[in-house]
N, C-alpha and C. Protein backbone atom coordinates (compact mmCIF):
# COMPACT_ATOMS: atom_id res chain seq x y z
N MET A 1 -60.57 117.22 66.89
CA MET A 1 -60.62 115.75 67.00
C MET A 1 -59.22 115.25 67.21
N GLY A 2 -58.93 114.43 68.27
CA GLY A 2 -57.57 113.98 68.60
C GLY A 2 -57.04 112.94 67.65
N THR A 3 -55.67 112.84 67.64
CA THR A 3 -54.98 111.87 66.77
C THR A 3 -55.04 110.49 67.38
N ASP A 4 -55.33 109.49 66.60
CA ASP A 4 -55.37 108.10 67.09
C ASP A 4 -53.95 107.55 67.16
N GLN A 5 -53.50 107.36 68.45
CA GLN A 5 -52.11 106.90 68.62
C GLN A 5 -51.93 105.46 68.17
N HIS A 6 -53.05 104.75 67.92
CA HIS A 6 -52.95 103.35 67.53
C HIS A 6 -53.27 103.15 66.06
N SER A 7 -53.19 104.23 65.26
CA SER A 7 -53.46 104.13 63.83
C SER A 7 -52.34 103.40 63.14
N PRO A 8 -52.59 102.84 61.96
CA PRO A 8 -51.53 102.12 61.23
C PRO A 8 -50.30 102.98 60.99
N ALA A 9 -50.47 104.25 60.73
CA ALA A 9 -49.31 105.11 60.47
C ALA A 9 -48.45 105.25 61.70
N SER A 10 -49.10 105.42 62.83
CA SER A 10 -48.34 105.57 64.08
C SER A 10 -47.61 104.29 64.41
N ALA A 11 -48.27 103.17 64.20
CA ALA A 11 -47.63 101.88 64.48
C ALA A 11 -46.42 101.65 63.60
N ARG A 12 -46.59 102.04 62.32
CA ARG A 12 -45.46 101.87 61.39
C ARG A 12 -44.28 102.76 61.79
N ALA A 13 -44.56 103.99 62.19
CA ALA A 13 -43.49 104.90 62.62
C ALA A 13 -42.77 104.36 63.84
N ALA A 14 -43.57 103.77 64.75
CA ALA A 14 -42.96 103.22 65.97
C ALA A 14 -42.04 102.05 65.63
N ARG A 15 -42.52 101.18 64.69
CA ARG A 15 -41.67 100.05 64.29
C ARG A 15 -40.38 100.51 63.63
N ILE A 16 -40.50 101.55 62.80
CA ILE A 16 -39.32 102.09 62.11
C ILE A 16 -38.31 102.64 63.13
N GLU A 17 -38.84 103.37 64.12
CA GLU A 17 -37.95 103.93 65.14
C GLU A 17 -37.27 102.82 65.94
N GLU A 18 -38.05 101.75 66.22
CA GLU A 18 -37.47 100.62 66.97
C GLU A 18 -36.38 99.95 66.15
N MET A 19 -36.61 99.79 64.87
CA MET A 19 -35.61 99.19 63.99
C MET A 19 -34.36 100.05 63.93
N ARG A 20 -34.58 101.39 63.89
CA ARG A 20 -33.42 102.28 63.86
C ARG A 20 -32.59 102.16 65.15
N ARG A 21 -33.29 102.09 66.28
CA ARG A 21 -32.57 101.93 67.56
C ARG A 21 -31.79 100.61 67.58
N ALA A 22 -32.42 99.56 67.07
CA ALA A 22 -31.74 98.25 67.02
C ALA A 22 -30.52 98.29 66.11
N GLU A 23 -30.67 99.01 64.98
CA GLU A 23 -29.57 99.11 64.03
C GLU A 23 -28.40 99.88 64.65
N ARG A 24 -28.76 100.99 65.37
CA ARG A 24 -27.71 101.76 66.01
C ARG A 24 -26.99 100.93 67.08
N ALA A 25 -27.77 100.15 67.82
CA ALA A 25 -27.17 99.31 68.86
C ALA A 25 -26.27 98.24 68.24
N ARG A 26 -26.75 97.64 67.14
CA ARG A 26 -25.95 96.64 66.44
C ARG A 26 -24.66 97.24 65.89
N SER A 27 -24.76 98.47 65.36
CA SER A 27 -23.58 99.14 64.83
C SER A 27 -22.55 99.40 65.92
N ARG A 28 -23.07 99.85 67.09
CA ARG A 28 -22.16 100.10 68.21
C ARG A 28 -21.45 98.81 68.63
N ARG A 29 -22.25 97.70 68.70
CA ARG A 29 -21.63 96.42 69.08
C ARG A 29 -20.58 96.00 68.07
N ASN A 30 -20.89 96.17 66.79
CA ASN A 30 -19.94 95.79 65.75
C ASN A 30 -18.64 96.61 65.84
N ARG A 31 -18.82 97.94 66.12
CA ARG A 31 -17.62 98.78 66.23
C ARG A 31 -16.76 98.34 67.41
N VAL A 32 -17.44 98.04 68.51
CA VAL A 32 -16.71 97.58 69.70
C VAL A 32 -15.96 96.29 69.41
N LEU A 33 -16.66 95.33 68.75
CA LEU A 33 -16.02 94.06 68.41
C LEU A 33 -14.86 94.25 67.45
N ALA A 34 -15.04 95.16 66.47
CA ALA A 34 -13.98 95.42 65.50
C ALA A 34 -12.76 96.01 66.17
N ILE A 35 -12.99 96.96 67.08
CA ILE A 35 -11.87 97.58 67.81
C ILE A 35 -11.15 96.55 68.66
N ALA A 36 -11.94 95.71 69.34
CA ALA A 36 -11.34 94.68 70.19
C ALA A 36 -10.51 93.71 69.36
N ALA A 37 -11.07 93.32 68.21
CA ALA A 37 -10.33 92.41 67.33
C ALA A 37 -9.04 93.04 66.83
N SER A 38 -9.12 94.33 66.50
CA SER A 38 -7.93 95.03 66.02
C SER A 38 -6.86 95.08 67.10
N MET A 39 -7.30 95.33 68.34
CA MET A 39 -6.35 95.39 69.45
C MET A 39 -5.68 94.04 69.66
N VAL A 40 -6.46 92.97 69.52
CA VAL A 40 -5.88 91.62 69.66
C VAL A 40 -4.83 91.37 68.58
N VAL A 41 -5.17 91.76 67.34
CA VAL A 41 -4.24 91.56 66.23
C VAL A 41 -2.96 92.35 66.45
N VAL A 42 -3.13 93.64 66.85
CA VAL A 42 -1.95 94.48 67.09
C VAL A 42 -1.09 93.90 68.20
N ALA A 43 -1.75 93.47 69.28
CA ALA A 43 -1.00 92.89 70.40
C ALA A 43 -0.23 91.66 69.95
N GLY A 44 -0.92 90.83 69.12
CA GLY A 44 -0.24 89.65 68.61
C GLY A 44 0.97 90.00 67.77
N LEU A 45 0.82 91.03 66.92
CA LEU A 45 1.95 91.45 66.09
C LEU A 45 3.09 91.97 66.93
N VAL A 46 2.76 92.74 67.98
CA VAL A 46 3.81 93.28 68.85
C VAL A 46 4.56 92.16 69.56
N VAL A 47 3.79 91.22 70.13
CA VAL A 47 4.42 90.10 70.82
C VAL A 47 5.28 89.28 69.87
N GLY A 48 4.73 89.02 68.68
CA GLY A 48 5.49 88.25 67.70
C GLY A 48 6.76 88.96 67.29
N GLY A 49 6.65 90.29 67.13
CA GLY A 49 7.83 91.06 66.75
C GLY A 49 8.89 91.03 67.83
N VAL A 50 8.46 91.14 69.09
CA VAL A 50 9.42 91.11 70.20
C VAL A 50 10.12 89.76 70.26
N VAL A 51 9.32 88.69 70.11
CA VAL A 51 9.92 87.34 70.13
C VAL A 51 10.92 87.18 69.01
N LEU A 52 10.56 87.67 67.81
CA LEU A 52 11.46 87.57 66.66
C LEU A 52 12.74 88.35 66.90
N LEU A 53 12.59 89.58 67.41
CA LEU A 53 13.77 90.41 67.66
C LEU A 53 14.68 89.78 68.71
N ARG A 54 14.05 89.23 69.77
CA ARG A 54 14.85 88.57 70.80
C ARG A 54 15.57 87.36 70.24
N SER A 55 14.85 86.61 69.41
CA SER A 55 15.46 85.44 68.80
C SER A 55 16.64 85.82 67.93
N GLN A 56 16.44 86.88 67.11
CA GLN A 56 17.54 87.33 66.26
C GLN A 56 18.68 87.89 67.08
N SER A 57 18.32 88.62 68.15
CA SER A 57 19.34 89.21 69.01
C SER A 57 20.15 88.12 69.69
N ASP A 58 19.44 87.10 70.24
CA ASP A 58 20.13 86.00 70.89
C ASP A 58 21.02 85.28 69.92
N SER A 59 20.49 85.06 68.70
CA SER A 59 21.28 84.39 67.68
C SER A 59 22.52 85.20 67.33
N GLY A 60 22.31 86.53 67.20
CA GLY A 60 23.44 87.39 66.87
C GLY A 60 24.46 87.43 67.98
N GLU A 61 23.97 87.46 69.26
CA GLU A 61 24.90 87.48 70.38
C GLU A 61 25.70 86.19 70.43
N ASP A 62 24.99 85.06 70.22
CA ASP A 62 25.69 83.78 70.24
C ASP A 62 26.73 83.73 69.14
N LYS A 63 26.33 84.22 67.96
CA LYS A 63 27.27 84.22 66.84
C LYS A 63 28.44 85.13 67.15
N GLY A 64 28.12 86.30 67.77
CA GLY A 64 29.19 87.23 68.14
C GLY A 64 30.13 86.62 69.15
N LYS A 65 29.54 85.88 70.12
CA LYS A 65 30.39 85.22 71.11
C LYS A 65 31.28 84.18 70.46
N ASP A 66 30.69 83.42 69.53
CA ASP A 66 31.48 82.40 68.84
C ASP A 66 32.61 83.06 68.05
N THR A 67 32.27 84.18 67.36
CA THR A 67 33.29 84.87 66.58
C THR A 67 34.36 85.43 67.47
N ALA A 68 33.92 86.02 68.61
CA ALA A 68 34.89 86.59 69.55
C ALA A 68 35.79 85.50 70.12
N ALA A 69 35.17 84.35 70.46
CA ALA A 69 35.96 83.26 71.01
C ALA A 69 36.97 82.78 69.99
N SER A 70 36.54 82.71 68.72
CA SER A 70 37.45 82.30 67.67
C SER A 70 38.59 83.30 67.51
N ALA A 71 38.23 84.60 67.56
CA ALA A 71 39.25 85.63 67.41
C ALA A 71 40.21 85.61 68.59
N ASP A 72 39.67 85.35 69.80
CA ASP A 72 40.50 85.34 70.99
C ASP A 72 41.56 84.26 70.93
N ALA A 73 41.27 83.17 70.23
CA ALA A 73 42.21 82.05 70.16
C ALA A 73 43.37 82.31 69.23
N LYS A 74 43.29 83.41 68.48
CA LYS A 74 44.34 83.72 67.52
C LYS A 74 45.25 84.82 68.06
N GLY A 75 46.53 84.67 67.77
CA GLY A 75 47.48 85.67 68.24
C GLY A 75 47.67 86.81 67.27
N GLY A 76 47.09 86.75 66.12
CA GLY A 76 47.24 87.80 65.12
C GLY A 76 47.44 87.18 63.74
N SER A 77 47.67 88.02 62.75
CA SER A 77 47.91 87.55 61.40
C SER A 77 48.97 88.42 60.77
N GLY A 78 49.69 87.85 59.81
CA GLY A 78 50.75 88.61 59.15
C GLY A 78 52.00 87.76 58.97
N HIS A 79 53.15 88.42 58.86
CA HIS A 79 54.40 87.70 58.68
C HIS A 79 55.56 88.61 59.08
N PHE A 80 56.73 88.00 59.24
CA PHE A 80 57.92 88.76 59.58
C PHE A 80 58.57 89.34 58.33
N THR A 81 59.09 90.54 58.48
CA THR A 81 59.94 91.16 57.46
C THR A 81 61.30 91.39 58.10
N THR A 82 62.34 90.87 57.49
CA THR A 82 63.68 90.96 58.08
C THR A 82 64.44 92.17 57.56
N GLY A 83 64.95 92.97 58.50
CA GLY A 83 65.71 94.16 58.14
C GLY A 83 67.18 93.84 57.89
N ALA A 84 67.91 94.84 57.48
CA ALA A 84 69.34 94.66 57.18
C ALA A 84 70.13 94.25 58.42
N ASP A 85 69.66 94.65 59.58
CA ASP A 85 70.35 94.30 60.83
C ASP A 85 69.95 92.93 61.36
N GLY A 86 69.07 92.23 60.64
CA GLY A 86 68.64 90.91 61.05
C GLY A 86 67.44 90.90 61.96
N VAL A 87 66.97 92.07 62.37
CA VAL A 87 65.78 92.14 63.22
C VAL A 87 64.54 91.87 62.37
N ARG A 88 63.71 90.96 62.83
CA ARG A 88 62.47 90.63 62.15
C ARG A 88 61.34 91.47 62.75
N THR A 89 60.61 92.14 61.89
CA THR A 89 59.50 92.98 62.33
C THR A 89 58.19 92.39 61.83
N TRP A 90 57.24 92.22 62.71
CA TRP A 90 55.94 91.65 62.33
C TRP A 90 55.15 92.68 61.55
N SER A 91 54.75 92.33 60.35
CA SER A 91 54.10 93.28 59.45
C SER A 91 52.58 93.27 59.53
N GLY A 92 52.03 92.31 60.23
CA GLY A 92 50.57 92.22 60.30
C GLY A 92 50.01 92.77 61.59
N LYS A 93 48.76 92.46 61.84
CA LYS A 93 48.07 92.95 63.02
C LYS A 93 48.39 92.08 64.22
N LEU A 94 48.67 92.71 65.36
CA LEU A 94 48.87 92.01 66.62
C LEU A 94 47.75 92.44 67.57
N SER A 95 46.80 91.55 67.79
CA SER A 95 45.67 91.87 68.65
C SER A 95 46.14 92.02 70.09
N ARG A 96 45.32 92.72 70.89
CA ARG A 96 45.73 92.98 72.28
C ARG A 96 44.59 92.70 73.26
N THR A 97 43.74 91.76 72.93
CA THR A 97 42.62 91.42 73.80
C THR A 97 43.09 90.54 74.95
N HIS A 98 42.56 90.80 76.15
CA HIS A 98 42.87 89.95 77.30
C HIS A 98 41.97 88.71 77.25
N VAL A 99 42.57 87.55 77.32
CA VAL A 99 41.82 86.29 77.26
C VAL A 99 42.33 85.36 78.36
N SER A 100 41.46 84.46 78.79
CA SER A 100 41.85 83.51 79.82
C SER A 100 42.18 82.14 79.23
N THR A 101 42.01 82.01 77.93
CA THR A 101 42.27 80.73 77.26
C THR A 101 43.67 80.73 76.64
N GLU A 102 44.07 79.56 76.16
CA GLU A 102 45.34 79.48 75.44
C GLU A 102 45.21 80.17 74.08
N VAL A 103 46.29 80.72 73.60
CA VAL A 103 46.30 81.42 72.33
C VAL A 103 47.22 80.70 71.35
N THR A 104 46.76 80.54 70.12
CA THR A 104 47.59 79.94 69.08
C THR A 104 48.34 81.06 68.36
N TYR A 105 49.59 81.24 68.68
CA TYR A 105 50.37 82.33 68.09
C TYR A 105 50.98 81.89 66.76
N PRO A 106 51.10 82.80 65.81
CA PRO A 106 51.66 82.45 64.50
C PRO A 106 53.17 82.47 64.46
N MET A 107 53.80 82.77 65.59
CA MET A 107 55.27 82.78 65.65
C MET A 107 55.72 82.27 67.03
N HIS A 108 56.96 81.75 67.07
CA HIS A 108 57.49 81.20 68.32
C HIS A 108 58.96 81.62 68.51
N PRO A 109 59.24 82.27 69.63
CA PRO A 109 58.31 82.77 70.65
C PRO A 109 57.39 83.86 70.08
N PRO A 110 56.25 84.07 70.67
CA PRO A 110 55.35 85.11 70.16
C PRO A 110 55.88 86.51 70.45
N VAL A 111 55.56 87.43 69.56
CA VAL A 111 55.99 88.82 69.75
C VAL A 111 54.78 89.75 69.95
N GLY A 112 53.63 89.18 70.22
CA GLY A 112 52.43 89.98 70.44
C GLY A 112 51.20 89.17 70.13
N GLY A 113 50.05 89.79 70.34
CA GLY A 113 48.78 89.12 70.11
C GLY A 113 47.95 89.12 71.39
N ASN A 114 46.81 88.49 71.34
CA ASN A 114 45.97 88.37 72.53
C ASN A 114 46.75 87.68 73.64
N HIS A 115 46.45 88.04 74.87
CA HIS A 115 47.28 87.52 75.96
C HIS A 115 46.50 87.49 77.27
N ASN A 116 47.08 86.82 78.25
CA ASN A 116 46.46 86.69 79.56
C ASN A 116 46.40 88.04 80.28
N PRO A 117 45.35 88.27 81.08
CA PRO A 117 45.27 89.54 81.80
C PRO A 117 46.43 89.79 82.76
N ALA A 118 47.08 88.72 83.23
CA ALA A 118 48.21 88.87 84.14
C ALA A 118 49.53 88.83 83.37
N TRP A 119 50.35 89.84 83.58
CA TRP A 119 51.65 89.84 82.91
C TRP A 119 52.64 89.00 83.70
N LEU A 120 53.65 88.53 83.01
CA LEU A 120 54.73 87.81 83.65
C LEU A 120 55.69 88.84 84.25
N THR A 121 56.05 88.65 85.52
CA THR A 121 56.98 89.59 86.14
C THR A 121 58.25 89.66 85.30
N CYS A 122 58.63 90.89 84.95
CA CYS A 122 59.73 91.07 83.99
C CYS A 122 60.72 92.13 84.47
N ASP A 123 60.95 92.14 85.78
CA ASP A 123 61.85 93.12 86.38
C ASP A 123 63.26 92.55 86.47
N GLY A 124 63.84 92.21 85.29
CA GLY A 124 65.15 91.57 85.29
C GLY A 124 65.07 90.16 85.84
N THR A 125 64.00 89.45 85.44
CA THR A 125 63.69 88.15 86.03
C THR A 125 64.16 87.01 85.12
N VAL A 126 64.89 86.06 85.69
CA VAL A 126 65.36 84.89 84.96
C VAL A 126 64.59 83.67 85.45
N TYR A 127 63.87 83.04 84.55
CA TYR A 127 63.07 81.86 84.89
C TYR A 127 63.82 80.59 84.49
N PRO A 128 63.99 79.66 85.41
CA PRO A 128 64.72 78.43 85.08
C PRO A 128 63.90 77.44 84.26
N LYS A 129 62.57 77.63 84.25
CA LYS A 129 61.69 76.72 83.52
C LYS A 129 60.85 77.51 82.51
N PRO A 130 60.30 76.82 81.50
CA PRO A 130 59.46 77.51 80.52
C PRO A 130 58.29 78.23 81.18
N VAL A 131 57.87 79.32 80.58
CA VAL A 131 56.75 80.12 81.10
C VAL A 131 55.62 80.09 80.09
N ARG A 132 54.46 80.57 80.49
CA ARG A 132 53.31 80.61 79.58
C ARG A 132 53.46 81.75 78.58
N ASP A 133 53.26 81.42 77.31
CA ASP A 133 53.33 82.45 76.27
C ASP A 133 52.40 83.62 76.56
N GLU A 134 51.18 83.29 76.99
CA GLU A 134 50.15 84.32 77.16
C GLU A 134 50.53 85.36 78.21
N ASN A 135 51.26 84.93 79.25
CA ASN A 135 51.71 85.88 80.27
C ASN A 135 52.95 86.65 79.81
N ALA A 136 53.82 85.96 79.08
CA ALA A 136 55.02 86.62 78.58
C ALA A 136 54.68 87.70 77.56
N VAL A 137 53.68 87.44 76.71
CA VAL A 137 53.27 88.43 75.71
C VAL A 137 52.75 89.69 76.40
N HIS A 138 52.08 89.51 77.53
CA HIS A 138 51.62 90.69 78.27
C HIS A 138 52.81 91.50 78.77
N ALA A 139 53.89 90.82 79.15
CA ALA A 139 55.10 91.53 79.57
C ALA A 139 55.69 92.32 78.39
N LEU A 140 55.64 91.74 77.20
CA LEU A 140 56.12 92.46 76.01
C LEU A 140 55.27 93.70 75.77
N GLU A 141 53.98 93.60 76.03
CA GLU A 141 53.10 94.75 75.85
C GLU A 141 53.51 95.90 76.78
N HIS A 142 54.10 95.55 77.91
CA HIS A 142 54.56 96.57 78.87
C HIS A 142 55.94 97.11 78.51
N GLY A 143 56.53 96.59 77.43
CA GLY A 143 57.82 97.12 76.99
C GLY A 143 59.03 96.30 77.40
N ALA A 144 58.81 95.04 77.72
CA ALA A 144 59.93 94.18 78.13
C ALA A 144 60.58 93.51 76.92
N VAL A 145 61.86 93.14 77.10
CA VAL A 145 62.57 92.30 76.14
C VAL A 145 62.66 90.91 76.76
N TRP A 146 62.32 89.91 75.96
CA TRP A 146 62.27 88.52 76.42
C TRP A 146 63.37 87.73 75.75
N VAL A 147 64.29 87.22 76.55
CA VAL A 147 65.40 86.39 76.03
C VAL A 147 65.00 84.93 76.21
N THR A 148 65.07 84.16 75.12
CA THR A 148 64.74 82.74 75.18
C THR A 148 65.87 81.91 74.58
N TYR A 149 65.97 80.66 75.02
CA TYR A 149 67.06 79.81 74.56
C TYR A 149 66.62 78.34 74.56
N THR A 150 67.25 77.55 73.74
CA THR A 150 66.99 76.11 73.69
C THR A 150 68.14 75.37 74.37
N ASP A 151 68.01 74.05 74.42
CA ASP A 151 69.08 73.25 75.04
C ASP A 151 70.33 73.18 74.16
N LYS A 152 70.25 73.76 72.94
CA LYS A 152 71.42 73.80 72.07
C LYS A 152 72.29 75.04 72.33
N ALA A 153 71.80 75.95 73.12
CA ALA A 153 72.58 77.14 73.44
C ALA A 153 73.72 76.77 74.38
N LYS A 154 74.85 77.44 74.22
CA LYS A 154 76.01 77.18 75.10
C LYS A 154 75.73 77.73 76.49
N LYS A 155 76.19 76.99 77.48
CA LYS A 155 75.95 77.39 78.87
C LYS A 155 76.56 78.76 79.16
N ALA A 156 77.74 79.03 78.59
CA ALA A 156 78.39 80.32 78.84
C ALA A 156 77.53 81.47 78.31
N ASP A 157 76.92 81.26 77.15
CA ASP A 157 76.06 82.30 76.59
C ASP A 157 74.79 82.48 77.44
N VAL A 158 74.22 81.37 77.89
CA VAL A 158 73.02 81.45 78.74
C VAL A 158 73.34 82.19 80.03
N ASP A 159 74.47 81.87 80.63
CA ASP A 159 74.85 82.53 81.89
C ASP A 159 75.10 84.02 81.68
N ALA A 160 75.78 84.37 80.58
CA ALA A 160 76.08 85.78 80.32
C ALA A 160 74.80 86.57 80.04
N LEU A 161 73.87 86.00 79.29
CA LEU A 161 72.61 86.67 79.01
C LEU A 161 71.75 86.79 80.28
N ALA A 162 71.81 85.76 81.12
CA ALA A 162 71.06 85.81 82.38
C ALA A 162 71.58 86.95 83.26
N ALA A 163 72.90 87.12 83.27
CA ALA A 163 73.49 88.21 84.06
C ALA A 163 73.04 89.57 83.52
N LYS A 164 72.96 89.70 82.20
CA LYS A 164 72.51 90.96 81.59
C LYS A 164 71.05 91.24 81.94
N VAL A 165 70.23 90.19 81.87
CA VAL A 165 68.81 90.36 82.19
C VAL A 165 68.63 90.79 83.65
N LYS A 166 69.38 90.17 84.54
CA LYS A 166 69.22 90.47 85.97
C LYS A 166 69.52 91.92 86.31
N ARG A 167 70.35 92.56 85.52
CA ARG A 167 70.66 93.97 85.80
C ARG A 167 69.88 94.93 84.90
N THR A 168 68.89 94.39 84.20
CA THR A 168 68.10 95.22 83.28
C THR A 168 66.62 95.15 83.61
N PRO A 169 66.07 96.20 84.23
CA PRO A 169 64.61 96.22 84.43
C PRO A 169 63.90 96.13 83.08
N TYR A 170 62.68 95.65 83.08
CA TYR A 170 61.89 95.43 81.87
C TYR A 170 62.58 94.43 80.93
N SER A 171 63.04 93.35 81.53
CA SER A 171 63.55 92.23 80.73
C SER A 171 63.28 90.95 81.50
N LEU A 172 63.28 89.84 80.78
CA LEU A 172 63.07 88.53 81.38
C LEU A 172 63.73 87.48 80.51
N MET A 173 63.89 86.30 81.04
CA MET A 173 64.58 85.23 80.31
C MET A 173 63.99 83.89 80.74
N SER A 174 63.87 82.99 79.76
CA SER A 174 63.35 81.66 80.07
C SER A 174 63.74 80.69 78.96
N PRO A 175 63.81 79.39 79.27
CA PRO A 175 64.04 78.40 78.21
C PRO A 175 62.81 78.31 77.32
N TYR A 176 63.05 77.97 76.03
CA TYR A 176 61.93 77.87 75.07
C TYR A 176 62.33 76.84 74.02
N ALA A 177 61.69 75.70 74.06
CA ALA A 177 62.08 74.60 73.18
C ALA A 177 61.67 74.82 71.73
N ASP A 178 60.48 75.39 71.52
CA ASP A 178 59.91 75.49 70.17
C ASP A 178 60.31 76.79 69.49
N GLN A 179 61.60 76.93 69.18
CA GLN A 179 62.07 78.10 68.44
C GLN A 179 63.16 77.68 67.47
N ASP A 180 63.37 78.49 66.44
CA ASP A 180 64.22 78.09 65.32
C ASP A 180 65.72 78.25 65.57
N ALA A 181 66.08 79.03 66.58
CA ALA A 181 67.50 79.28 66.84
C ALA A 181 67.78 79.09 68.33
N PRO A 182 69.03 78.80 68.69
CA PRO A 182 69.35 78.57 70.11
C PRO A 182 69.11 79.79 70.99
N LEU A 183 69.37 81.00 70.44
CA LEU A 183 69.22 82.22 71.23
C LEU A 183 68.37 83.24 70.46
N ILE A 184 67.28 83.68 71.08
CA ILE A 184 66.39 84.64 70.44
C ILE A 184 66.01 85.73 71.44
N LEU A 185 65.97 86.96 70.96
CA LEU A 185 65.49 88.10 71.74
C LEU A 185 64.19 88.60 71.12
N SER A 186 63.19 88.84 71.95
CA SER A 186 61.89 89.27 71.43
C SER A 186 61.41 90.51 72.18
N ALA A 187 60.73 91.38 71.42
CA ALA A 187 60.01 92.52 71.98
C ALA A 187 58.67 92.57 71.26
N TRP A 188 57.80 93.48 71.65
CA TRP A 188 56.49 93.56 70.99
C TRP A 188 56.68 93.90 69.51
N GLY A 189 56.33 92.93 68.65
CA GLY A 189 56.40 93.14 67.21
C GLY A 189 57.78 92.98 66.60
N HIS A 190 58.78 92.62 67.41
CA HIS A 190 60.16 92.54 66.90
C HIS A 190 60.87 91.32 67.50
N GLN A 191 61.81 90.78 66.72
CA GLN A 191 62.54 89.59 67.18
C GLN A 191 63.85 89.47 66.42
N VAL A 192 64.87 88.93 67.09
CA VAL A 192 66.16 88.72 66.43
C VAL A 192 66.83 87.48 67.01
N SER A 193 67.49 86.74 66.15
CA SER A 193 68.31 85.62 66.59
C SER A 193 69.74 86.12 66.73
N VAL A 194 70.41 85.72 67.81
CA VAL A 194 71.81 86.13 68.01
C VAL A 194 72.69 84.89 68.09
N LYS A 195 73.95 85.08 67.70
CA LYS A 195 74.88 83.93 67.65
C LYS A 195 75.43 83.59 69.02
N SER A 196 75.57 84.61 69.85
CA SER A 196 76.13 84.40 71.18
C SER A 196 75.77 85.58 72.06
N ALA A 197 76.15 85.50 73.33
CA ALA A 197 75.89 86.60 74.25
C ALA A 197 76.70 87.84 73.89
N SER A 198 77.81 87.63 73.20
CA SER A 198 78.68 88.76 72.82
C SER A 198 78.32 89.35 71.46
N ASP A 199 77.31 88.82 70.81
CA ASP A 199 76.84 89.35 69.53
C ASP A 199 76.45 90.83 69.74
N PRO A 200 77.00 91.75 68.90
CA PRO A 200 76.67 93.18 69.07
C PRO A 200 75.17 93.46 69.03
N GLU A 201 74.42 92.59 68.39
CA GLU A 201 72.98 92.82 68.27
C GLU A 201 72.28 92.73 69.62
N VAL A 202 72.89 92.03 70.58
CA VAL A 202 72.26 91.92 71.91
C VAL A 202 72.09 93.30 72.53
N ASP A 203 73.21 94.05 72.62
CA ASP A 203 73.13 95.39 73.22
C ASP A 203 72.25 96.32 72.40
N LYS A 204 72.32 96.21 71.07
CA LYS A 204 71.50 97.06 70.21
C LYS A 204 70.02 96.80 70.44
N PHE A 205 69.67 95.52 70.54
CA PHE A 205 68.25 95.17 70.71
C PHE A 205 67.73 95.66 72.05
N PHE A 206 68.53 95.46 73.10
CA PHE A 206 68.12 95.94 74.42
C PHE A 206 67.95 97.46 74.41
N ALA A 207 68.91 98.14 73.81
CA ALA A 207 68.85 99.61 73.78
C ALA A 207 67.64 100.12 73.02
N ALA A 208 67.28 99.42 71.95
CA ALA A 208 66.18 99.89 71.11
C ALA A 208 64.81 99.51 71.66
N TYR A 209 64.69 98.35 72.31
CA TYR A 209 63.35 97.83 72.59
C TYR A 209 62.97 97.70 74.06
N VAL A 210 63.89 97.86 75.00
CA VAL A 210 63.48 97.91 76.40
C VAL A 210 62.76 99.25 76.61
N GLN A 211 61.45 99.17 76.81
CA GLN A 211 60.61 100.38 76.89
C GLN A 211 60.78 101.25 75.64
N GLY A 212 60.94 100.60 74.50
CA GLY A 212 61.15 101.32 73.24
C GLY A 212 59.87 101.88 72.66
N GLU A 213 60.02 102.47 71.47
CA GLU A 213 58.87 103.12 70.82
C GLU A 213 57.79 102.12 70.43
N GLN A 214 58.13 100.86 70.31
CA GLN A 214 57.14 99.84 69.92
C GLN A 214 56.19 99.49 71.06
N THR A 215 56.49 99.93 72.29
CA THR A 215 55.74 99.52 73.47
C THR A 215 54.29 100.00 73.42
N PRO A 216 53.31 99.10 73.42
CA PRO A 216 51.90 99.52 73.40
C PRO A 216 51.49 100.24 74.69
N GLU A 217 52.08 99.82 75.83
CA GLU A 217 51.72 100.42 77.11
C GLU A 217 52.97 100.89 77.85
N PRO A 218 53.59 101.96 77.39
CA PRO A 218 54.82 102.44 78.04
C PRO A 218 54.56 102.85 79.48
N GLY A 219 55.47 102.46 80.36
CA GLY A 219 55.33 102.82 81.76
C GLY A 219 54.51 101.85 82.59
N ALA A 220 53.84 100.89 81.92
CA ALA A 220 53.09 99.88 82.69
C ALA A 220 54.08 99.03 83.48
N PRO A 221 53.67 98.51 84.63
CA PRO A 221 54.63 97.83 85.51
C PRO A 221 55.14 96.50 84.98
N CYS A 222 56.33 96.15 85.42
CA CYS A 222 56.86 94.82 85.14
C CYS A 222 57.00 94.03 86.44
N THR A 223 56.67 94.66 87.55
CA THR A 223 56.65 93.98 88.83
C THR A 223 55.22 93.60 89.18
N GLY A 224 55.09 92.71 90.16
CA GLY A 224 53.76 92.36 90.64
C GLY A 224 52.96 91.45 89.76
N GLY A 225 53.60 90.83 88.77
CA GLY A 225 52.88 89.92 87.88
C GLY A 225 52.97 88.48 88.39
N VAL A 226 52.64 87.55 87.51
CA VAL A 226 52.80 86.14 87.87
C VAL A 226 54.25 85.74 87.71
N MET A 227 54.63 84.65 88.34
CA MET A 227 56.03 84.27 88.37
C MET A 227 56.30 82.92 87.72
N LYS A 228 55.38 82.47 86.87
CA LYS A 228 55.63 81.21 86.16
C LYS A 228 54.73 81.11 84.96
């Protein structure tokens, strides 16, 4: 005798199987939706993280630029220590960054610090007018001695020092109003005031500091620079 496919038991089994198929389909849909939602969340976190990092990076770069700009405006820090021979030696840090802006130097004339990318021609060059500190400091970096004078200096001394400079490569001379003595000789990190052109310290300073051991860039040229 055959089985009745339309019996209550068969119908119940069919409904159960249909419910199971529906449940499996619903589970698959839920898993798909859950995965999609997770991907959206992860993508959002990644995008948010990138934006945050960029924001922090931009902020840090801006801050770094501001700090660098501030540092560039300074010629260094420290003070002079005077030796028995009267030569003043800068005891602090003298920065050497090339900058295109004006620099506030802690000493006058400056003996080092940040400076213009172009050096002042210092091949025994005598300038009749004041020159830019930033270019002159670059000449000092190349090992030049810079002779400066005020309007209180005697003409005979100015003429004699000018003659010495003209026959001395890696030296230069210019008027300088903002200095404490009528006649001053400067090299990188070193400076001395002299009483006259015949002061023995003049020859000593030239001998010690024209391309001396203090030179940050020995052998760098003193020709081909700017002329004012």
